[in-house]
Amino acid sequence: MTLTIKDLLNQDEFWAFLFVFGAALLNWPMLSLAADKQPLFGFLPVLVYISAVWLLLIFFAYLFERRYSD
């Protein structure tokens, strides 16, 4: 039995993957990449990074739920 990406994304494990992926992106090693940088347009880079990751996670969850909801 061959599973395609569409089959994998149609399973409940996608939510677990999204959670683990988000937790990895919002964990210390990734946050430290933007910790000591200069402000971007008056905002701290850490806040810009956290906001961007948060919005991407919400966007992916929205697309998945919209596509596969009954």
N, C-alpha and C. Protein backbone atom coordinates (compact mmCIF):
# COMPACT_ATOMS: atom_id res chain seq x y z
N MET A 1 0.85 -1.19 0.00
CA MET A 1 0.00 0.00 0.00
C MET A 1 0.88 1.24 0.00
N THR A 2 0.68 2.09 -0.96
CA THR A 2 1.46 3.30 -1.08
C THR A 2 0.65 4.49 -0.57
N LEU A 3 1.26 5.25 0.31
CA LEU A 3 0.62 6.45 0.83
C LEU A 3 1.18 7.67 0.12
N THR A 4 0.30 8.55 -0.27
CA THR A 4 0.72 9.81 -0.89
C THR A 4 0.69 10.90 0.18
N ILE A 5 1.20 12.04 -0.19
CA ILE A 5 1.17 13.19 0.73
C ILE A 5 -0.27 13.56 1.07
N LYS A 6 -1.16 13.48 0.09
CA LYS A 6 -2.56 13.80 0.34
C LYS A 6 -3.16 12.84 1.37
N ASP A 7 -2.81 11.56 1.28
CA ASP A 7 -3.31 10.59 2.25
C ASP A 7 -2.76 10.87 3.64
N LEU A 8 -1.49 11.24 3.71
CA LEU A 8 -0.89 11.53 5.01
C LEU A 8 -1.49 12.76 5.64
N LEU A 9 -1.76 13.77 4.86
CA LEU A 9 -2.32 15.01 5.40
C LEU A 9 -3.80 14.86 5.75
N ASN A 10 -4.41 13.78 5.31
CA ASN A 10 -5.82 13.56 5.61
C ASN A 10 -5.99 12.84 6.93
N GLN A 11 -4.93 12.50 7.62
CA GLN A 11 -5.01 11.75 8.85
C GLN A 11 -4.90 12.68 10.06
N ASP A 12 -5.27 12.10 11.20
CA ASP A 12 -5.23 12.87 12.45
C ASP A 12 -3.80 13.18 12.88
N GLU A 13 -2.84 12.43 12.38
CA GLU A 13 -1.46 12.66 12.76
C GLU A 13 -0.94 14.02 12.28
N PHE A 14 -1.62 14.61 11.32
CA PHE A 14 -1.20 15.92 10.85
C PHE A 14 -1.23 16.93 11.98
N TRP A 15 -2.24 16.83 12.85
CA TRP A 15 -2.34 17.77 13.96
C TRP A 15 -1.18 17.59 14.93
N ALA A 16 -0.80 16.35 15.16
CA ALA A 16 0.36 16.10 16.02
C ALA A 16 1.63 16.62 15.37
N PHE A 17 1.76 16.41 14.06
CA PHE A 17 2.92 16.94 13.34
C PHE A 17 2.97 18.46 13.43
N LEU A 18 1.83 19.11 13.24
CA LEU A 18 1.79 20.57 13.30
C LEU A 18 2.16 21.07 14.69
N PHE A 19 1.72 20.37 15.72
CA PHE A 19 2.07 20.75 17.09
C PHE A 19 3.56 20.60 17.34
N VAL A 20 4.14 19.46 16.95
CA VAL A 20 5.57 19.23 17.17
C VAL A 20 6.40 20.20 16.35
N PHE A 21 6.00 20.46 15.11
CA PHE A 21 6.70 21.41 14.25
C PHE A 21 6.67 22.81 14.85
N GLY A 22 5.50 23.22 15.35
CA GLY A 22 5.39 24.53 15.99
C GLY A 22 6.19 24.63 17.27
N ALA A 23 6.17 23.55 18.05
CA ALA A 23 6.95 23.55 19.29
C ALA A 23 8.44 23.63 18.99
N ALA A 24 8.89 22.96 17.93
CA ALA A 24 10.30 23.02 17.56
C ALA A 24 10.69 24.42 17.10
N LEU A 25 9.82 25.07 16.34
CA LEU A 25 10.12 26.41 15.85
C LEU A 25 10.07 27.47 16.95
N LEU A 26 9.28 27.22 17.98
CA LEU A 26 9.15 28.19 19.06
C LEU A 26 9.97 27.81 20.28
N ASN A 27 10.93 26.92 20.12
CA ASN A 27 11.77 26.49 21.21
C ASN A 27 13.06 27.30 21.23
N TRP A 28 13.87 27.11 22.28
CA TRP A 28 15.04 27.93 22.50
C TRP A 28 16.04 27.98 21.34
N PRO A 29 16.46 26.89 20.73
CA PRO A 29 17.50 27.02 19.71
C PRO A 29 17.07 27.92 18.54
N MET A 30 15.83 27.81 18.13
CA MET A 30 15.37 28.64 17.02
C MET A 30 15.17 30.09 17.45
N LEU A 31 14.68 30.29 18.66
CA LEU A 31 14.49 31.66 19.15
C LEU A 31 15.81 32.39 19.34
N SER A 32 16.86 31.66 19.65
CA SER A 32 18.15 32.31 19.89
C SER A 32 18.78 32.83 18.59
N LEU A 33 18.29 32.36 17.45
CA LEU A 33 18.83 32.86 16.18
C LEU A 33 18.53 34.34 15.97
N ALA A 34 17.40 34.80 16.52
CA ALA A 34 17.00 36.19 16.34
C ALA A 34 17.17 37.01 17.61
N ALA A 35 17.83 36.48 18.61
CA ALA A 35 17.87 37.13 19.92
C ALA A 35 18.70 38.42 19.94
N ASP A 36 19.87 38.42 19.35
CA ASP A 36 20.78 39.56 19.48
C ASP A 36 20.91 40.38 18.20
N LYS A 37 19.88 40.45 17.44
CA LYS A 37 19.91 41.19 16.18
C LYS A 37 19.39 42.61 16.38
N GLN A 38 19.62 43.45 15.39
CA GLN A 38 19.15 44.83 15.42
C GLN A 38 17.64 44.87 15.17
N PRO A 39 16.96 45.87 15.71
CA PRO A 39 15.51 45.99 15.49
C PRO A 39 15.14 46.11 14.02
N LEU A 40 14.03 45.47 13.65
CA LEU A 40 13.49 45.55 12.30
C LEU A 40 12.28 46.46 12.31
N PHE A 41 12.40 47.62 11.68
CA PHE A 41 11.32 48.60 11.63
C PHE A 41 10.80 48.94 13.02
N GLY A 42 11.69 48.97 13.99
CA GLY A 42 11.33 49.33 15.35
C GLY A 42 10.83 48.17 16.20
N PHE A 43 10.79 46.97 15.67
CA PHE A 43 10.34 45.79 16.42
C PHE A 43 11.52 44.88 16.70
N LEU A 44 11.48 44.23 17.85
CA LEU A 44 12.51 43.26 18.17
C LEU A 44 12.39 42.05 17.24
N PRO A 45 13.49 41.56 16.72
CA PRO A 45 13.44 40.41 15.80
C PRO A 45 12.82 39.16 16.42
N VAL A 46 12.97 38.98 17.73
CA VAL A 46 12.36 37.81 18.37
C VAL A 46 10.84 37.90 18.29
N LEU A 47 10.30 39.08 18.49
CA LEU A 47 8.85 39.25 18.40
C LEU A 47 8.35 39.07 16.97
N VAL A 48 9.12 39.55 16.00
CA VAL A 48 8.76 39.37 14.59
C VAL A 48 8.78 37.88 14.25
N TYR A 49 9.80 37.16 14.72
CA TYR A 49 9.91 35.73 14.45
C TYR A 49 8.76 34.96 15.08
N ILE A 50 8.46 35.23 16.35
CA ILE A 50 7.36 34.54 17.03
C ILE A 50 6.03 34.82 16.33
N SER A 51 5.80 36.05 15.96
CA SER A 51 4.55 36.41 15.27
C SER A 51 4.45 35.72 13.91
N ALA A 52 5.55 35.67 13.18
CA ALA A 52 5.53 35.03 11.86
C ALA A 52 5.28 33.53 11.97
N VAL A 53 5.94 32.87 12.91
CA VAL A 53 5.73 31.43 13.10
C VAL A 53 4.30 31.16 13.54
N TRP A 54 3.81 31.96 14.46
CA TRP A 54 2.44 31.79 14.95
C TRP A 54 1.43 31.95 13.80
N LEU A 55 1.61 32.96 12.99
CA LEU A 55 0.69 33.17 11.86
C LEU A 55 0.78 32.04 10.85
N LEU A 56 1.98 31.53 10.58
CA LEU A 56 2.12 30.40 9.66
C LEU A 56 1.45 29.15 10.19
N LEU A 57 1.58 28.88 11.48
CA LEU A 57 0.91 27.71 12.06
C LEU A 57 -0.61 27.84 11.97
N ILE A 58 -1.12 29.01 12.25
CA ILE A 58 -2.56 29.24 12.13
C ILE A 58 -3.00 29.10 10.68
N PHE A 59 -2.21 29.61 9.75
CA PHE A 59 -2.54 29.52 8.33
C PHE A 59 -2.58 28.06 7.87
N PHE A 60 -1.57 27.25 8.25
CA PHE A 60 -1.56 25.85 7.86
C PHE A 60 -2.73 25.09 8.49
N ALA A 61 -3.05 25.38 9.74
CA ALA A 61 -4.19 24.73 10.39
C ALA A 61 -5.49 25.11 9.69
N TYR A 62 -5.62 26.36 9.31
CA TYR A 62 -6.82 26.82 8.60
C TYR A 62 -6.96 26.12 7.25
N LEU A 63 -5.85 26.06 6.49
CA LEU A 63 -5.91 25.40 5.18
C LEU A 63 -6.25 23.92 5.32
N PHE A 64 -5.66 23.26 6.28
CA PHE A 64 -5.94 21.84 6.48
C PHE A 64 -7.38 21.62 6.88
N GLU A 65 -7.86 22.39 7.83
CA GLU A 65 -9.24 22.22 8.30
C GLU A 65 -10.24 22.55 7.22
N ARG A 66 -9.97 23.56 6.45
CA ARG A 66 -10.88 23.97 5.38
C ARG A 66 -10.94 22.92 4.28
N ARG A 67 -9.81 22.32 3.98
CA ARG A 67 -9.74 21.36 2.88
C ARG A 67 -10.37 20.01 3.23
N TYR A 68 -10.17 19.57 4.48
CA TYR A 68 -10.57 18.23 4.85
C TYR A 68 -11.76 18.16 5.82
N SER A 69 -12.38 19.26 6.11
CA SER A 69 -13.54 19.21 7.00
C SER A 69 -14.76 18.72 6.23
N ASP A 70 -15.67 18.07 6.95
CA ASP A 70 -16.88 17.55 6.30
C ASP A 70 -17.99 18.55 6.32
